[in-house]
Each structure stands twice: as C-alpha cells, then as structure tokens.
Amino acid sequence: MTATTYRTCPRSGLQFESQAEKLMIANAVAAVVALLVGGLLAIGVVLTRWPAVHWLAADTFYMVLTAHGIDMLIF
C-alpha cells in the first residue's frame, strides 16, 4: 500500500492530494484548449457572415458552424 501525498496550498491552507491535483490541472488545460478551439471556430463563422470578407464556402461554413456548436455544447 502506498502512502498518499498531500500538498498544502500556501494561500488557503487547504490540503490537496497529489493525484487529485494532477486531475484538476488536466481538467483546466482541457477546458482552455476547448475554449480556444471554439473561439477559433467562432472567428471562422463571424468572418464568413461578414459580407466584406466571406471567408468560407457554404458547405465548409456549415461544418465549422456545427463544430463550433458541438464544441461549445459539450465542453
């Protein structure tokens, strides 16, 4: 049986288990990546709807719009 290691937060004084801390960091990184991907897809949608730019073709626009919606809904 292995001993559980804890880290004490210097600000709050709370103790965090090291494995739980790794999971929290992985969750935060996944959330930031999902927001960045969703933001880039949103920029693609906005630039396509802007008449002066019209960046994507119609079929690609709907693929990007669907991907943006799924990314924002799930993540």
N, C-alpha and C. Protein backbone atom coordinates (compact mmCIF):
# COMPACT_ATOMS: atom_id res chain seq x y z
N MET A 1 0.84 -1.18 0.00
CA MET A 1 0.00 0.00 0.00
C MET A 1 0.89 1.24 0.00
N THR A 2 0.57 2.19 -0.87
CA THR A 2 1.38 3.40 -0.96
C THR A 2 0.80 4.50 -0.08
N ALA A 3 1.67 5.33 0.38
CA ALA A 3 1.24 6.45 1.21
C ALA A 3 0.71 7.56 0.32
N THR A 4 -0.36 8.18 0.74
CA THR A 4 -0.94 9.28 0.00
C THR A 4 -0.16 10.56 0.32
N THR A 5 0.20 11.27 -0.74
CA THR A 5 0.94 12.52 -0.53
C THR A 5 0.01 13.70 -0.71
N TYR A 6 0.18 14.68 0.13
CA TYR A 6 -0.63 15.88 0.09
C TYR A 6 0.27 17.10 -0.08
N ARG A 7 -0.32 18.13 -0.67
CA ARG A 7 0.35 19.41 -0.79
C ARG A 7 -0.54 20.44 -0.12
N THR A 8 0.03 21.31 0.67
CA THR A 8 -0.74 22.35 1.34
C THR A 8 -0.67 23.63 0.52
N CYS A 9 -1.84 24.18 0.21
CA CYS A 9 -1.91 25.41 -0.56
C CYS A 9 -1.41 26.57 0.31
N PRO A 10 -0.48 27.36 -0.21
CA PRO A 10 0.05 28.46 0.61
C PRO A 10 -0.96 29.58 0.86
N ARG A 11 -1.94 29.73 -0.02
CA ARG A 11 -2.93 30.81 0.16
C ARG A 11 -4.05 30.43 1.12
N SER A 12 -4.65 29.23 0.88
CA SER A 12 -5.82 28.86 1.67
C SER A 12 -5.52 27.93 2.83
N GLY A 13 -4.38 27.26 2.77
CA GLY A 13 -4.04 26.31 3.82
C GLY A 13 -4.71 24.95 3.64
N LEU A 14 -5.46 24.78 2.55
CA LEU A 14 -6.12 23.51 2.29
C LEU A 14 -5.11 22.49 1.78
N GLN A 15 -5.39 21.23 2.06
CA GLN A 15 -4.52 20.16 1.58
C GLN A 15 -5.13 19.51 0.35
N PHE A 16 -4.30 19.27 -0.67
CA PHE A 16 -4.72 18.62 -1.90
C PHE A 16 -3.91 17.35 -2.09
N GLU A 17 -4.59 16.27 -2.43
CA GLU A 17 -3.89 15.04 -2.77
C GLU A 17 -3.19 15.23 -4.11
N SER A 18 -2.01 14.69 -4.28
CA SER A 18 -1.22 14.93 -5.49
C SER A 18 -1.92 14.38 -6.74
N GLN A 19 -2.56 13.23 -6.66
CA GLN A 19 -3.26 12.68 -7.82
C GLN A 19 -4.47 13.55 -8.19
N ALA A 20 -5.18 14.06 -7.19
CA ALA A 20 -6.32 14.93 -7.46
C ALA A 20 -5.85 16.25 -8.07
N GLU A 21 -4.71 16.73 -7.62
CA GLU A 21 -4.16 17.98 -8.17
C GLU A 21 -3.81 17.80 -9.65
N LYS A 22 -3.24 16.66 -10.01
CA LYS A 22 -2.93 16.39 -11.41
C LYS A 22 -4.20 16.34 -12.25
N LEU A 23 -5.26 15.76 -11.70
CA LEU A 23 -6.54 15.70 -12.41
C LEU A 23 -7.13 17.10 -12.59
N MET A 24 -7.01 17.94 -11.57
CA MET A 24 -7.51 19.32 -11.68
C MET A 24 -6.76 20.10 -12.75
N ILE A 25 -5.45 19.92 -12.82
CA ILE A 25 -4.65 20.61 -13.83
C ILE A 25 -5.01 20.13 -15.22
N ALA A 26 -5.18 18.81 -15.39
CA ALA A 26 -5.56 18.26 -16.70
C ALA A 26 -6.93 18.79 -17.12
N ASN A 27 -7.85 18.89 -16.17
CA ASN A 27 -9.19 19.43 -16.46
C ASN A 27 -9.11 20.89 -16.89
N ALA A 28 -8.30 21.67 -16.22
CA ALA A 28 -8.16 23.08 -16.57
C ALA A 28 -7.53 23.24 -17.95
N VAL A 29 -6.53 22.43 -18.27
CA VAL A 29 -5.90 22.51 -19.59
C VAL A 29 -6.88 22.11 -20.68
N ALA A 30 -7.66 21.05 -20.45
CA ALA A 30 -8.66 20.63 -21.44
C ALA A 30 -9.71 21.71 -21.66
N ALA A 31 -10.11 22.40 -20.60
CA ALA A 31 -11.10 23.46 -20.72
C ALA A 31 -10.56 24.63 -21.54
N VAL A 32 -9.32 25.01 -21.30
CA VAL A 32 -8.72 26.12 -22.04
C VAL A 32 -8.57 25.76 -23.51
N VAL A 33 -8.14 24.53 -23.80
CA VAL A 33 -7.99 24.09 -25.19
C VAL A 33 -9.35 24.08 -25.89
N ALA A 34 -10.39 23.58 -25.21
CA ALA A 34 -11.73 23.56 -25.81
C ALA A 34 -12.23 24.98 -26.09
N LEU A 35 -11.97 25.91 -25.19
CA LEU A 35 -12.38 27.29 -25.41
C LEU A 35 -11.62 27.93 -26.57
N LEU A 36 -10.33 27.63 -26.69
CA LEU A 36 -9.55 28.17 -27.80
C LEU A 36 -10.04 27.63 -29.14
N VAL A 37 -10.31 26.33 -29.20
CA VAL A 37 -10.82 25.74 -30.45
C VAL A 37 -12.18 26.33 -30.79
N GLY A 38 -13.07 26.43 -29.80
CA GLY A 38 -14.38 27.04 -30.03
C GLY A 38 -14.28 28.49 -30.45
N GLY A 39 -13.34 29.22 -29.89
CA GLY A 39 -13.14 30.61 -30.27
C GLY A 39 -12.64 30.75 -31.70
N LEU A 40 -11.72 29.88 -32.10
CA LEU A 40 -11.24 29.92 -33.49
C LEU A 40 -12.35 29.56 -34.47
N LEU A 41 -13.17 28.58 -34.11
CA LEU A 41 -14.30 28.24 -34.98
C LEU A 41 -15.31 29.39 -35.04
N ALA A 42 -15.51 30.08 -33.93
CA ALA A 42 -16.42 31.23 -33.92
C ALA A 42 -15.89 32.36 -34.80
N ILE A 43 -14.58 32.56 -34.80
CA ILE A 43 -14.00 33.57 -35.68
C ILE A 43 -14.24 33.21 -37.14
N GLY A 44 -14.13 31.91 -37.46
CA GLY A 44 -14.43 31.46 -38.82
C GLY A 44 -15.87 31.74 -39.21
N VAL A 45 -16.80 31.53 -38.28
CA VAL A 45 -18.21 31.80 -38.55
C VAL A 45 -18.44 33.30 -38.75
N VAL A 46 -17.85 34.12 -37.89
CA VAL A 46 -18.03 35.57 -37.98
C VAL A 46 -17.45 36.12 -39.27
N LEU A 47 -16.25 35.65 -39.64
CA LEU A 47 -15.63 36.16 -40.87
C LEU A 47 -16.39 35.72 -42.11
N THR A 48 -17.10 34.61 -42.04
CA THR A 48 -17.89 34.17 -43.18
C THR A 48 -19.18 34.97 -43.28
N ARG A 49 -19.78 35.30 -42.15
CA ARG A 49 -21.03 36.06 -42.18
C ARG A 49 -20.81 37.53 -42.52
N TRP A 50 -19.60 38.02 -42.38
CA TRP A 50 -19.27 39.39 -42.71
C TRP A 50 -19.22 39.51 -44.23
N PRO A 51 -20.09 40.31 -44.85
CA PRO A 51 -20.17 40.36 -46.31
C PRO A 51 -18.87 40.81 -46.99
N ALA A 52 -18.09 41.65 -46.34
CA ALA A 52 -16.87 42.14 -46.96
C ALA A 52 -15.79 41.06 -47.04
N VAL A 53 -15.84 40.07 -46.16
CA VAL A 53 -14.80 39.05 -46.11
C VAL A 53 -15.27 37.76 -46.77
N HIS A 54 -16.41 37.23 -46.33
CA HIS A 54 -16.99 35.97 -46.83
C HIS A 54 -15.90 34.91 -47.02
N TRP A 55 -15.36 34.42 -45.90
CA TRP A 55 -14.15 33.61 -45.85
C TRP A 55 -14.33 32.17 -46.29
N LEU A 56 -15.42 31.50 -45.90
CA LEU A 56 -15.60 30.07 -46.17
C LEU A 56 -16.70 29.83 -47.20
N ALA A 57 -16.57 28.72 -47.92
CA ALA A 57 -17.65 28.30 -48.82
C ALA A 57 -18.84 27.82 -47.98
N ALA A 58 -20.00 27.66 -48.62
CA ALA A 58 -21.23 27.34 -47.89
C ALA A 58 -21.12 26.01 -47.15
N ASP A 59 -20.64 24.96 -47.81
CA ASP A 59 -20.57 23.66 -47.13
C ASP A 59 -19.55 23.67 -46.00
N THR A 60 -18.45 24.36 -46.18
CA THR A 60 -17.44 24.46 -45.13
C THR A 60 -17.96 25.32 -43.97
N PHE A 61 -18.73 26.35 -44.29
CA PHE A 61 -19.31 27.20 -43.25
C PHE A 61 -20.19 26.39 -42.32
N TYR A 62 -21.03 25.53 -42.87
CA TYR A 62 -21.93 24.74 -42.03
C TYR A 62 -21.17 23.68 -41.23
N MET A 63 -20.07 23.16 -41.77
CA MET A 63 -19.24 22.24 -40.99
C MET A 63 -18.59 22.96 -39.82
N VAL A 64 -18.09 24.17 -40.06
CA VAL A 64 -17.46 24.96 -38.99
C VAL A 64 -18.51 25.38 -37.97
N LEU A 65 -19.69 25.76 -38.43
CA LEU A 65 -20.77 26.16 -37.52
C LEU A 65 -21.19 24.99 -36.63
N THR A 66 -21.31 23.80 -37.22
CA THR A 66 -21.67 22.62 -36.45
C THR A 66 -20.57 22.26 -35.46
N ALA A 67 -19.32 22.31 -35.90
CA ALA A 67 -18.21 22.00 -35.00
C ALA A 67 -18.16 22.99 -33.84
N HIS A 68 -18.41 24.26 -34.12
CA HIS A 68 -18.43 25.27 -33.06
C HIS A 68 -19.55 24.98 -32.06
N GLY A 69 -20.73 24.66 -32.57
CA GLY A 69 -21.86 24.36 -31.69
C GLY A 69 -21.61 23.14 -30.82
N ILE A 70 -21.05 22.09 -31.41
CA ILE A 70 -20.76 20.87 -30.64
C ILE A 70 -19.68 21.15 -29.60
N ASP A 71 -18.66 21.88 -29.99
CA ASP A 71 -17.58 22.19 -29.05
C ASP A 71 -18.09 23.00 -27.87
N MET A 72 -18.90 23.99 -28.12
CA MET A 72 -19.40 24.82 -27.04
C MET A 72 -20.46 24.10 -26.20
N LEU A 73 -21.22 23.19 -26.83
CA LEU A 73 -22.25 22.46 -26.09
C LEU A 73 -21.64 21.41 -25.18
N ILE A 74 -20.69 20.66 -25.69
CA ILE A 74 -20.11 19.55 -24.92
C ILE A 74 -19.08 20.05 -23.93
N PHE A 75 -18.20 20.93 -24.36
CA PHE A 75 -17.11 21.34 -23.49
C PHE A 75 -17.44 22.64 -22.80
